[in-house]
Amino acid sequence: MRDFSGAVALVTGAGAGIGAAQVKLLRERGATVCAVDIDEDAAARSGAALAIGADVADREAMAAAVDRVVEEFGKLDAVFCTAGITHLPATLRSLKPGEPQRVIDVNLLGTLNTIHPALEPLIASRGHIVVVSSMGWPPNTEYGTLLPAVGGVAYSTSKTAVEMLGRGLRMELSPHGVDVTIAYFGPIDTAMLAQSLTPPSRAKQRLTIGPEKAATALIRAVEKGKVRVIIPARWNFLNIVRPLGVNLDNMLLRSKTQREFISTYDGG
């Protein structure tokens, strides 16, 4: 999507962090923005033309949100699936049954629930979809999702699935003129990152960039028609080692740091 002037965009997770920053940037570019967040008051504070309180994990609520946008503004040109959550560092063994399920529900199914009802309006407008994958699970951002996220398998699983969703949608929607951008976020200084960092790993916050800078990089990537954008850009090098796959897994298995991490968060 080269120009947002006059466009109608829907942003999830718009109440704070990257989502709120996206709303601001889209408005500055002349777009009419619908802000969706589980906290409707937070969505309203974004200054969007329309604020909707909805849980992206609720399929019917998201279908209603998309219907409302099209009803009020007559079209839908862009969807930014920014809503996402994580959990405190913990191995799957030590998590309660509902905890990993909620992460999958929000990060993966929430993205599906946002996109599916928007497909026909987006095809009609030859619009744009943005999905958010990840270059890493916050406490282990030095590895990225190309390696197992020890202590965060639910998060990394959800974000890896979102990547494949985006790649598949790009293939399916190309004949209809709909573009897809996949964003791979590294450590961004948001509330989600802060809540997932325990005291020993908070020093890693020095590696972060602010949500405004991240949102700017993402919006510019969409304007340039990029299929993929890695934010911060310095994490691009991780794609070079992606094909090494299992060999890197084996390297991690021998890592003292990883063994200590598992020992700390296994809870067994």
Protein backbone atom coordinates (compact mmCIF):
# COMPACT_ATOMS: atom_id res chain seq x y z
CA MET A 1 0.00 0.00 0.00
CA ARG A 2 1.85 3.02 -1.25
CA ASP A 3 -0.36 5.82 0.08
CA PHE A 4 -2.53 5.90 3.20
CA SER A 5 -4.21 9.21 2.38
CA GLY A 6 -7.96 8.57 2.31
CA ALA A 7 -7.50 4.92 3.32
CA VAL A 8 -9.48 3.17 6.03
CA ALA A 9 -7.31 1.07 8.35
CA LEU A 10 -8.07 -1.24 11.26
CA VAL A 11 -5.41 -1.71 13.95
CA THR A 12 -5.64 -4.31 16.71
CA GLY A 13 -3.80 -3.94 19.99
CA ALA A 14 -4.26 -0.22 19.43
CA GLY A 15 -4.54 0.81 23.07
CA ALA A 16 -0.81 0.92 23.79
CA GLY A 17 2.68 0.25 22.48
CA ILE A 18 3.24 -0.37 18.80
CA GLY A 19 -0.49 -0.43 18.02
CA ALA A 20 -1.09 3.02 19.49
CA ALA A 21 1.96 4.35 17.67
CA GLN A 22 0.63 2.93 14.41
CA VAL A 23 -2.70 4.68 14.90
CA LYS A 24 -0.91 8.01 15.34
CA LEU A 25 1.27 7.54 12.25
CA LEU A 26 -1.63 6.42 10.08
CA ARG A 27 -3.70 9.43 11.14
CA GLU A 28 -0.78 11.72 10.30
CA ARG A 29 -0.72 10.17 6.83
CA GLY A 30 -4.38 10.96 6.25
CA ALA A 31 -5.92 7.57 7.03
CA THR A 32 -9.19 7.00 8.83
CA VAL A 33 -8.31 4.57 11.60
CA CYS A 34 -10.37 2.12 13.63
CA ALA A 35 -8.60 1.22 16.87
CA VAL A 36 -9.45 -2.18 18.35
CA ASP A 37 -8.30 -3.17 21.81
CA ILE A 38 -9.54 -5.33 24.66
CA ASP A 39 -9.52 -2.05 26.65
CA GLU A 40 -11.96 0.21 24.81
CA ASP A 41 -10.98 3.29 26.84
CA ALA A 42 -7.35 2.80 25.84
CA ALA A 43 -8.38 2.43 22.20
CA ALA A 44 -10.35 5.68 22.43
CA ARG A 45 -7.33 7.53 23.82
CA SER A 46 -5.43 6.72 20.62
CA GLY A 47 -7.40 9.42 18.82
CA ALA A 48 -8.74 7.02 16.20
CA ALA A 49 -11.90 7.88 14.29
CA LEU A 50 -13.54 4.77 15.75
CA ALA A 51 -12.63 2.87 18.92
CA ILE A 52 -13.92 -0.64 19.51
CA GLY A 53 -13.48 -2.75 22.62
CA ALA A 54 -12.99 -6.36 21.56
CA ASP A 55 -10.89 -9.39 22.41
CA VAL A 56 -9.20 -10.59 19.22
CA ALA A 57 -9.57 -14.15 20.52
CA ASP A 58 -13.36 -13.71 20.21
CA ARG A 59 -14.21 -14.60 16.61
CA GLU A 60 -17.72 -13.15 16.67
CA ALA A 61 -16.55 -9.90 18.27
CA MET A 62 -13.93 -9.39 15.58
CA ALA A 63 -16.40 -10.16 12.80
CA ALA A 64 -18.70 -7.53 14.29
CA ALA A 65 -15.82 -5.05 14.50
CA VAL A 66 -14.98 -5.47 10.81
CA ASP A 67 -18.66 -5.17 9.86
CA ARG A 68 -18.92 -1.95 11.84
CA VAL A 69 -15.89 -0.42 10.12
CA VAL A 70 -17.25 -1.20 6.66
CA GLU A 71 -20.73 0.00 7.62
CA GLU A 72 -19.46 3.34 8.97
CA PHE A 73 -16.76 4.12 6.42
CA GLY A 74 -17.85 2.17 3.36
CA LYS A 75 -14.63 0.24 2.85
CA LEU A 76 -11.55 -1.28 4.48
CA ASP A 77 -8.12 -0.79 2.91
CA ALA A 78 -5.64 -2.07 5.49
CA VAL A 79 -5.56 -4.36 8.51
CA PHE A 80 -2.73 -4.26 11.05
CA CYS A 81 -2.79 -7.34 13.31
CA THR A 82 -0.71 -5.94 16.15
CA ALA A 83 -2.42 -7.43 19.22
CA GLY A 84 -0.26 -9.94 21.08
CA ILE A 85 0.63 -11.26 24.51
CA THR A 86 3.25 -13.40 26.21
CA HIS A 87 3.73 -14.90 29.66
CA LEU A 88 6.39 -14.84 32.34
CA PRO A 89 9.42 -17.05 31.63
CA ALA A 90 8.42 -20.67 32.26
CA THR A 91 8.83 -24.05 30.63
CA LEU A 92 5.68 -25.68 29.31
CA ARG A 93 5.92 -28.19 32.15
CA SER A 94 5.55 -25.45 34.75
CA LEU A 95 2.70 -23.52 33.10
CA LYS A 96 -0.93 -23.95 34.05
CA PRO A 97 -2.99 -25.52 31.23
CA GLY A 98 -4.80 -22.31 30.32
CA GLU A 99 -1.69 -20.14 30.04
CA PRO A 100 -0.22 -21.44 26.78
CA GLN A 101 -3.73 -21.73 25.34
CA ARG A 102 -4.38 -18.02 25.91
CA VAL A 103 -1.14 -17.06 24.16
CA ILE A 104 -2.09 -19.17 21.13
CA ASP A 105 -5.65 -17.81 21.18
CA VAL A 106 -4.54 -14.17 21.10
CA ASN A 107 -1.43 -14.30 18.94
CA LEU A 108 -2.46 -16.85 16.31
CA LEU A 109 -6.24 -17.21 16.41
CA GLY A 110 -6.59 -13.49 17.11
CA THR A 111 -4.76 -12.78 13.86
CA LEU A 112 -7.00 -15.24 12.01
CA ASN A 113 -10.12 -13.78 13.61
CA THR A 114 -9.11 -10.31 12.46
CA ILE A 115 -8.21 -11.23 8.91
CA HIS A 116 -10.91 -13.73 7.97
CA PRO A 117 -13.94 -11.40 8.15
CA ALA A 118 -11.89 -8.65 6.47
CA LEU A 119 -10.97 -10.65 3.38
CA GLU A 120 -13.85 -9.63 1.11
CA PRO A 121 -13.59 -5.89 1.92
CA LEU A 122 -9.82 -6.05 1.42
CA ILE A 123 -10.21 -7.82 -1.91
CA ALA A 124 -12.72 -5.17 -2.98
CA SER A 125 -10.23 -2.40 -2.16
CA ARG A 126 -7.12 -4.33 -3.27
CA GLY A 127 -5.85 -3.63 0.22
CA HIS A 128 -3.04 -4.61 2.54
CA ILE A 129 -2.62 -6.99 5.50
CA VAL A 130 0.10 -6.71 8.12
CA VAL A 131 0.80 -9.63 10.46
CA VAL A 132 3.31 -9.61 13.30
CA SER A 133 5.71 -12.49 13.77
CA SER A 134 8.81 -12.21 15.95
CA MET A 135 12.57 -12.41 15.89
CA GLY A 136 12.60 -13.65 19.45
CA TRP A 137 10.82 -14.36 22.69
CA PRO A 138 11.63 -11.45 25.05
CA PRO A 139 13.92 -13.12 27.63
CA ASN A 140 15.75 -14.94 24.82
CA THR A 141 15.85 -12.26 22.17
CA GLU A 142 19.47 -12.94 21.37
CA TYR A 143 18.38 -16.13 19.60
CA GLY A 144 15.20 -15.19 17.77
CA THR A 145 12.36 -17.47 16.71
CA LEU A 146 14.66 -19.32 14.34
CA LEU A 147 15.86 -21.16 17.46
CA PRO A 148 13.78 -22.82 20.20
CA ALA A 149 12.52 -20.21 22.65
CA VAL A 150 13.31 -21.99 25.90
CA GLY A 151 10.84 -20.80 28.52
CA GLY A 152 8.50 -19.44 25.87
CA VAL A 153 7.46 -22.25 23.56
CA ALA A 154 3.82 -21.11 23.39
CA TYR A 155 4.85 -17.62 22.30
CA SER A 156 7.39 -18.77 19.72
CA THR A 157 4.97 -21.39 18.39
CA SER A 158 2.25 -18.78 17.94
CA LYS A 159 4.56 -16.33 16.19
CA THR A 160 6.07 -18.97 13.91
CA ALA A 161 2.55 -19.98 12.91
CA VAL A 162 1.70 -16.33 12.20
CA GLU A 163 4.69 -16.16 9.85
CA MET A 164 3.38 -19.13 7.87
CA LEU A 165 -0.11 -17.64 7.89
CA GLY A 166 1.25 -14.45 6.36
CA ARG A 167 3.28 -16.29 3.74
CA GLY A 168 0.32 -18.45 2.78
CA LEU A 169 -2.07 -15.51 2.59
CA ARG A 170 0.34 -13.69 0.33
CA MET A 171 0.10 -16.59 -2.13
CA GLU A 172 -3.67 -16.91 -1.88
CA LEU A 173 -4.45 -13.20 -2.11
CA SER A 174 -1.97 -12.18 -4.79
CA PRO A 175 -4.44 -12.93 -7.63
CA HIS A 176 -6.87 -10.55 -5.93
CA GLY A 177 -4.41 -7.68 -5.63
CA VAL A 178 -4.11 -7.84 -1.84
CA ASP A 179 -0.60 -7.38 -0.45
CA VAL A 180 0.76 -8.91 2.76
CA THR A 181 3.61 -7.68 4.92
CA ILE A 182 5.13 -9.83 7.67
CA ALA A 183 6.79 -7.91 10.50
CA TYR A 184 9.42 -9.62 12.61
CA PHE A 185 9.80 -7.69 15.83
CA GLY A 186 12.84 -8.05 18.02
CA PRO A 187 12.95 -6.50 21.50
CA ILE A 188 10.63 -3.48 21.50
CA ASP A 189 10.28 -1.39 24.67
CA THR A 190 6.64 -2.12 25.47
CA ALA A 191 4.64 -3.22 28.50
CA MET A 192 4.61 -6.78 27.12
CA LEU A 193 8.40 -6.89 27.12
CA ALA A 194 8.64 -5.38 30.60
CA GLN A 195 6.26 -7.93 32.12
CA SER A 196 8.15 -10.85 30.61
CA LEU A 197 11.58 -9.77 31.84
CA THR A 198 12.69 -11.02 35.22
CA PRO A 199 15.34 -9.02 37.13
CA PRO A 200 18.37 -10.98 35.80
CA SER A 201 17.34 -10.32 32.21
CA ARG A 202 16.17 -6.71 32.47
CA ALA A 203 19.60 -5.58 31.33
CA LYS A 204 18.53 -6.78 27.90
CA GLN A 205 16.19 -3.79 27.71
CA ARG A 206 19.21 -1.80 26.54
CA LEU A 207 18.85 -3.70 23.27
CA THR A 208 15.32 -2.42 22.70
CA ILE A 209 13.95 0.34 20.52
CA GLY A 210 10.85 2.39 21.31
CA PRO A 211 7.39 1.53 19.94
CA GLU A 212 7.26 4.77 17.94
CA LYS A 213 10.47 3.90 16.10
CA ALA A 214 9.24 0.35 15.50
CA ALA A 215 5.87 1.56 14.20
CA THR A 216 7.58 4.06 11.88
CA ALA A 217 9.77 1.33 10.39
CA LEU A 218 6.72 -0.87 9.86
CA ILE A 219 4.58 1.83 8.24
CA ARG A 220 7.43 2.78 5.91
CA ALA A 221 7.89 -0.86 4.93
CA VAL A 222 4.22 -1.10 4.02
CA GLU A 223 4.41 2.13 2.02
CA LYS A 224 7.35 0.67 0.08
CA GLY A 225 5.46 -2.55 -0.58
CA LYS A 226 7.90 -4.73 1.34
CA VAL A 227 6.87 -8.32 1.99
CA ARG A 228 9.05 -8.65 5.06
CA VAL A 229 10.47 -6.20 7.57
CA ILE A 230 12.72 -7.00 10.53
CA ILE A 231 12.61 -4.48 13.38
CA PRO A 232 15.16 -3.47 14.70
CA ALA A 233 17.04 -3.78 11.40
CA ARG A 234 20.22 -4.91 13.16
CA TRP A 235 18.57 -8.33 13.63
CA ASN A 236 18.57 -9.00 9.87
CA PHE A 237 21.70 -11.13 10.27
CA LEU A 238 19.66 -13.83 12.02
CA ASN A 239 18.12 -14.83 8.69
CA ILE A 240 21.56 -15.87 7.49
CA VAL A 241 21.73 -18.67 10.07
CA ARG A 242 18.08 -19.75 9.71
CA PRO A 243 18.88 -22.66 7.32
CA LEU A 244 21.20 -24.22 9.90
CA GLY A 245 18.14 -25.39 11.83
CA VAL A 246 18.78 -28.52 13.89
CA ASN A 247 22.52 -27.88 14.05
CA LEU A 248 21.81 -24.70 15.97
CA ASP A 249 19.39 -26.57 18.22
CA ASN A 250 22.16 -29.00 19.07
CA MET A 251 24.47 -26.10 19.87
CA LEU A 252 21.89 -24.75 22.30
CA LEU A 253 21.54 -28.12 23.97
CA ARG A 254 25.21 -27.86 24.93
CA SER A 255 24.83 -24.30 26.20
CA LYS A 256 25.37 -23.81 29.93
CA THR A 257 23.24 -20.67 29.77
CA GLN A 258 20.29 -22.62 28.39
CA ARG A 259 20.64 -25.36 31.00
CA GLU A 260 20.65 -22.74 33.74
CA PHE A 261 17.62 -21.04 32.20
CA ILE A 262 15.66 -24.28 32.12
CA SER A 263 16.67 -25.10 35.68
CA THR A 264 15.41 -21.70 36.84
CA TYR A 265 12.03 -21.81 35.11
CA ASP A 266 11.17 -25.51 34.88
CA GLY A 267 9.20 -25.53 38.13
CA GLY A 268 9.39 -29.29 38.47
